[in-house]
C-alpha atoms as a PDB file:
ATOM      1  CA  MET A   1       6.378 -19.611 -16.375  1.00  0.00           C
ATOM      2  CA  ALA A   2       8.107 -16.943 -18.356  1.00  0.00           C
ATOM      3  CA  GLU A   3       5.520 -14.576 -19.776  1.00  0.00           C
ATOM      4  CA  SER A   4       2.211 -15.676 -18.339  1.00  0.00           C
ATOM      5  CA  ASP A   5       1.033 -18.061 -15.669  1.00  0.00           C
ATOM      6  CA  HIS A   6      -1.084 -20.273 -17.938  1.00  0.00           C
ATOM      7  CA  PRO A   7      -0.310 -21.655 -21.389  1.00  0.00           C
ATOM      8  CA  ARG A   8      -2.528 -20.290 -24.147  1.00  0.00           C
ATOM      9  CA  PRO A   9      -3.090 -21.342 -27.722  1.00  0.00           C
ATOM     10  CA  PRO A  10      -0.723 -19.780 -30.262  1.00  0.00           C
ATOM     11  CA  GLY A  11      -1.922 -16.440 -31.593  1.00  0.00           C
ATOM     12  CA  GLU A  12      -4.230 -15.681 -28.645  1.00  0.00           C
ATOM     13  CA  LYS A  13      -3.692 -12.222 -27.216  1.00  0.00           C
ATOM     14  CA  GLU A  14      -2.349 -11.900 -23.672  1.00  0.00           C
ATOM     15  CA  TYR A  15      -4.158  -9.357 -21.504  1.00  0.00           C
ATOM     16  CA  TRP A  16      -2.592  -7.541 -18.570  1.00  0.00           C
ATOM     17  CA  LEU A  17      -4.766  -9.331 -15.987  1.00  0.00           C
ATOM     18  CA  ASP A  18      -3.673 -12.726 -17.333  1.00  0.00           C
ATOM     19  CA  ARG A  19      -0.533 -12.429 -15.199  1.00  0.00           C
ATOM     20  CA  SER A  20      -1.000 -13.226 -11.513  1.00  0.00           C
ATOM     21  CA  ALA A  21       1.553 -10.552 -10.557  1.00  0.00           C
ATOM     22  CA  ASN A  22      -0.730  -7.882 -12.034  1.00  0.00           C
ATOM     23  CA  VAL A  23      -3.773  -9.333 -10.253  1.00  0.00           C
ATOM     24  CA  THR A  24      -1.821  -9.197  -6.983  1.00  0.00           C
ATOM     25  CA  LYS A  25      -0.927  -5.546  -7.632  1.00  0.00           C
ATOM     26  CA  VAL A  26      -4.576  -4.654  -8.270  1.00  0.00           C
ATOM     27  CA  PHE A  27      -5.648  -6.501  -5.099  1.00  0.00           C
ATOM     28  CA  TRP A  28      -3.154  -4.655  -2.914  1.00  0.00           C
ATOM     29  CA  ALA A  29      -4.017  -1.321  -4.534  1.00  0.00           C
ATOM     30  CA  VAL A  30      -7.680  -1.879  -3.609  1.00  0.00           C
ATOM     31  CA  VAL A  31      -6.669  -2.832  -0.041  1.00  0.00           C
ATOM     32  CA  VAL A  32      -4.514   0.295   0.343  1.00  0.00           C
ATOM     33  CA  VAL A  33      -7.156   2.642  -1.098  1.00  0.00           C
ATOM     34  CA  SER A  34      -9.837   1.075   1.125  1.00  0.00           C
ATOM     35  CA  GLY A  35      -7.624   1.451   4.181  1.00  0.00           C
ATOM     36  CA  VAL A  36      -6.867   5.094   3.412  1.00  0.00           C
ATOM     37  CA  LEU A  37     -10.554   5.851   2.904  1.00  0.00           C
ATOM     38  CA  ALA A  38     -11.411   4.096   6.164  1.00  0.00           C
ATOM     39  CA  LEU A  39      -8.798   6.156   8.031  1.00  0.00           C
ATOM     40  CA  LEU A  40     -10.106   9.361   6.476  1.00  0.00           C
ATOM     41  CA  ASP A  41     -13.446   8.556   8.083  1.00  0.00           C
ATOM     42  CA  PHE A  42     -11.975   9.839  11.371  1.00  0.00           C
ATOM     43  CA  PHE A  43     -11.151  13.285   9.998  1.00  0.00           C
ATOM     44  CA  TYR A  44     -14.423  14.790   8.841  1.00  0.00           C
ATOM     45  CA  HIS A  45     -17.707  15.731  10.465  1.00  0.00           C
ATOM     46  CA  LYS A  46     -20.578  13.405   9.699  1.00  0.00           C
ATOM     47  CA  HIS A  47     -24.082  14.815   9.443  1.00  0.00           C
ATOM     48  CA  ALA A  48     -25.826  11.823  10.969  1.00  0.00           C
ATOM     49  CA  GLU A  49     -29.593  11.769  10.611  1.00  0.00           C
ATOM     50  CA  LEU A  50     -30.339   8.731  12.775  1.00  0.00           C
ATOM     51  CA  GLY A  51     -27.366   8.627  15.150  1.00  0.00           C
ATOM     52  CA  PHE A  52     -25.975   5.213  14.236  1.00  0.00           C
ATOM     53  CA  ASP A  53     -25.205   6.325  10.684  1.00  0.00           C
ATOM     54  CA  GLY A  54     -22.485   8.591  12.068  1.00  0.00           C
ATOM     55  CA  SER A  55     -20.468   5.689  13.471  1.00  0.00           C
ATOM     56  CA  PHE A  56     -17.073   4.704  12.064  1.00  0.00           C
ATOM     57  CA  GLY A  57     -17.303   2.953   8.695  1.00  0.00           C
ATOM     58  CA  PHE A  58     -21.100   2.751   8.680  1.00  0.00           C
ATOM     59  CA  HIS A  59     -21.551   3.605   5.011  1.00  0.00           C
ATOM     60  CA  GLY A  60     -18.875   1.150   3.908  1.00  0.00           C
ATOM     61  CA  TRP A  61     -20.402  -1.708   5.889  1.00  0.00           C
ATOM     62  CA  TYR A  62     -23.905  -0.758   4.834  1.00  0.00           C
ATOM     63  CA  GLY A  63     -22.865  -0.795   1.174  1.00  0.00           C
ATOM     64  CA  PHE A  64     -21.127  -4.152   1.576  1.00  0.00           C
ATOM     65  CA  VAL A  65     -24.141  -5.761   3.284  1.00  0.00           C
ATOM     66  CA  CYS A  66     -26.520  -4.393   0.635  1.00  0.00           C
ATOM     67  CA  CYS A  67     -24.267  -5.681  -2.163  1.00  0.00           C
ATOM     68  CA  VAL A  68     -24.169  -9.170  -0.617  1.00  0.00           C
ATOM     69  CA  PHE A  69     -27.949  -9.076  -0.208  1.00  0.00           C
ATOM     70  CA  LEU A  70     -28.430  -8.125  -3.865  1.00  0.00           C
ATOM     71  CA  VAL A  71     -26.197 -10.976  -5.050  1.00  0.00           C
ATOM     72  CA  LEU A  72     -28.026 -13.528  -2.887  1.00  0.00           C
ATOM     73  CA  ALA A  73     -31.431 -12.181  -3.972  1.00  0.00           C
ATOM     74  CA  ALA A  74     -30.383 -12.392  -7.628  1.00  0.00           C
ATOM     75  CA  LYS A  75     -29.331 -16.024  -7.176  1.00  0.00           C
ATOM     76  CA  GLU A  76     -32.783 -16.863  -5.803  1.00  0.00           C
ATOM     77  CA  LEU A  77     -34.543 -14.803  -8.485  1.00  0.00           C
ATOM     78  CA  ARG A  78     -32.631 -16.729 -11.150  1.00  0.00           C
ATOM     79  CA  LYS A  79     -34.370 -19.912 -10.023  1.00  0.00           C
ATOM     80  CA  LEU A  80     -37.732 -18.342 -10.857  1.00  0.00           C
ATOM     81  CA  LEU A  81     -36.773 -16.691 -14.152  1.00  0.00           C
ATOM     82  CA  LYS A  82     -34.399 -19.281 -15.605  1.00  0.00           C
ATOM     83  CA  ARG A  83     -35.231 -20.682 -19.051  1.00  0.00           C
ATOM     84  CA  ASP A  84     -34.126 -23.874 -20.787  1.00  0.00           C
ATOM     85  CA  GLU A  85     -31.018 -23.662 -22.972  1.00  0.00           C
ATOM     86  CA  ASP A  86     -33.054 -24.177 -26.127  1.00  0.00           C
ATOM     87  CA  TYR A  87     -35.770 -21.669 -25.174  1.00  0.00           C
ATOM     88  CA  TYR A  88     -35.132 -19.353 -28.145  1.00  0.00           C
ATOM     89  CA  ASP A  89     -34.551 -22.209 -30.594  1.00  0.00           C
ATOM     90  CA  ARG A  90     -38.108 -23.500 -30.233  1.00  0.00           C
END
């Protein structure tokens, strides 16, 4: 398609992430920045407290695992705290 990848109703504003080319650019920018930061992990002294926390990429992997855990815990917590759609209308 010419301007955007999906047709939109007339008069609706087009945002910069509506184009898949821009989404691809953002994705590759994140990949490049992550790769550079991972490579920089080789070039500084780590003050490891426990030994294993000084290994290559530990803090990145630890952060990723904790983020996944939080998302999965929130999905389970939603089952306990969820309300009916008309909860506030009653």
